[in-house]
Amino acid sequence: MVERAVVVLGAGINGAALARELALSGVPVAVVDADDVACGATAWSTRLIHGGLRYLEYGEIGLVRESLAERDRLVRLAPHLVAPLPFYVPLRGRLGGLPAAAARLVGLEGLARRWRPARGRGTWTVGTGLALYDLLASDSRVPRHRTVRAGAAGLPRVDREAFAWGCIYSDAQLLYPERFTVELLVDARRAAAETGAACDVFTHCRAALLPGGVLRLTGAVDQAVVDLRPAALVNATGAWVDRTLAAVFSSGAPAATGRRLIGGTKGSHLLLRAPRLRAALAEHGVYAEAADGRPVFVLPFGPELVLVGTTDTPFTGDPATARADEAEIDYLLAAAARLFPDVAPGRDEVQQHYCGVRPLPAARALGGSPAAVTRRHMLVRHPEAPLPTWSIVGGKLTTCRSLAETAAKEVLAALGRPVLGSSRERPLPGACAGESRLAALRETEALVRRAEGWGVDPAAVAERMVTLFGRRAAAAAAGIASRPGGIRGSLLPRAAVEFCVREEWPRTLGDVIERRLMLAFDTELGRDTLEDVATVLADLGLVSHADVGREAEACAVHLAARYGRRLTRGLGNAAKEKP
């Protein structure tokens, strides 16, 4: 029997941040997930760290202020993963949208929709919002907003005839929230070691509370059984919050009042391999309105790809079944084409798509739209549960740390334990920028140069490794001497797989491909890539050598079915099927 003060259900960004905060106060903690780290809404987001300009329309001043403060903090504490990004808002004219904005601000959403201007918001409306945005970020070092004429050098090449004006402001991009979440857990383990507590991560396992307060974990991969005795539970499973309560308390112990907590909406995104559109962005994100008035982003995704999102429709089914449908794909392609008609992306330029359910509160304002549902997080106590139990409802990437800070304070108070530590000024383990990033690049490149017969540019490998691991890149590359060679179709050494297995809790091939090495996004992903990673996993005992081919084939089938991803080389039969 393993004693734990707190068990956090859900290894997404909020659960990981909470585990880290608890560990900093010396609390023994276990993180449990039915799937993998960051496999839910964390990986399905628009991948932005932002203040929430749109939230100002709904009077969420406090949320915007909190988000802007956290944006600046994350840029400082995780600069290898969170990078400033200038945004361009294309506008048709000067005056549109003031009456609708005023109606929405006082809660008259129905009236705001009726008053929505046919030509969209103008520079006065958007500029007023951005001026308030700047004011709420008064301590920030990011540039203030400005209004510009379309077509100036260095701006995104949107349709100048349709959008003669634009506003520029700054937020930030988190390209790989999966890596961010992994590092939160790595730091939680470090914090636990520093305070003398324990921090364990259990993925791919089901949890059920037995009589007597024992939480039984049953592994889905190996069927191993672990019994924990928690003093408290925190349900941080996002869109699965209601389903988790039902499953964990299936023995009959009541967990809640019976009211539904989550009323999520489905959001779909496209990743485009569209070189002309990527060049037209000019290293800006574009934040605009689609033809129906809903917000849409067109964003750079690394040096080659473009991310377009997102849809926002109510969803009541199992979040695991949410998929981007053809209508949503067409909608997003049309939204991008409306902004960039000269380089409009085609269906053949969709490399992949992804889709998930936002864990929004079930209660909605009368007459409200999905966009009007608050993104503020809530910690809901379940007094009927047989042990102290809470559920986290809502939240977003940007406020994961502040959410964890406030949640930890409440949980610790209920357990009679003091708050002894804080993450407010604590960098993530891989944090590096400027000279420290150059040092990480040099050290990693030197290790790669020692490898013989790989035939890749050591500087390019080092750049890719530091992008993923930050200052931990050299440690991830240190095994090159004992495990030489690279993963085909990538700029990563096989040693990186071994590092992930040793340090970052993957259990399956998909865990490594999708959420550790981020190979699922590589433009050259092929069947040989999957086989190389599976071979290293076999060497480490996670799969059998006889099953390497079957593991690769199963992963290819999953990538095609879940993301519409087409492999580029070494195609298996399943991967050749139309996505």
Foldseek 3Di string as FASTA:
>chain_A
DAEFAEEEEALELLSLLLLLLCLLQQGAYEYEYQAFHNPAVLQFDPQFQALPLVVVLQVPLVSSLLSLVLQQLCCVQAVLFKFKFKEKEFAQAAAAQPVLSVCNNVPNNVVSLVRQDQRHHHCVVSVVSQVVSCVSNVVDPFDGKDKDFPPDPLAFNWDCNSGGIIMMGMTIGRLASLLVSLLSNLSSQVSNVVSVHHYYYHYSWAWAQDPPQWIWTAHPQPRDIDIYRYQEYEYAHFQCSVVNQCRRDVVPQHFAPPDDWFFWWKWKKFKFQQQVNLVSRSRHKYWYAASSRHIKIWHDNPNGIIMIDIDTGTDDDDQVPDAQDPVRVVRRLNRSCNTVVVRRDDPVRGQWMAMGIGQFTNDDDVVDDRVSGDQDKDWAWGVRGPHTYIYIGHHDPSCSNVSSVVVSCVSCVVVVRDSDRGCSNHHRPQHDDDPQQVVQLVLQLVLLVVAPDQPDRSSVLSVLQCSSRHSCSNVQSVCCVVQPYPQPQDSYRLSNLVVCVVRRDDQALCCCCCRRSNVLPRPQAALSNSLSSLVSCCVVPSDPPVCSNVSSVVVLLCSCVRIVHAHDPPDDPSSPDGD
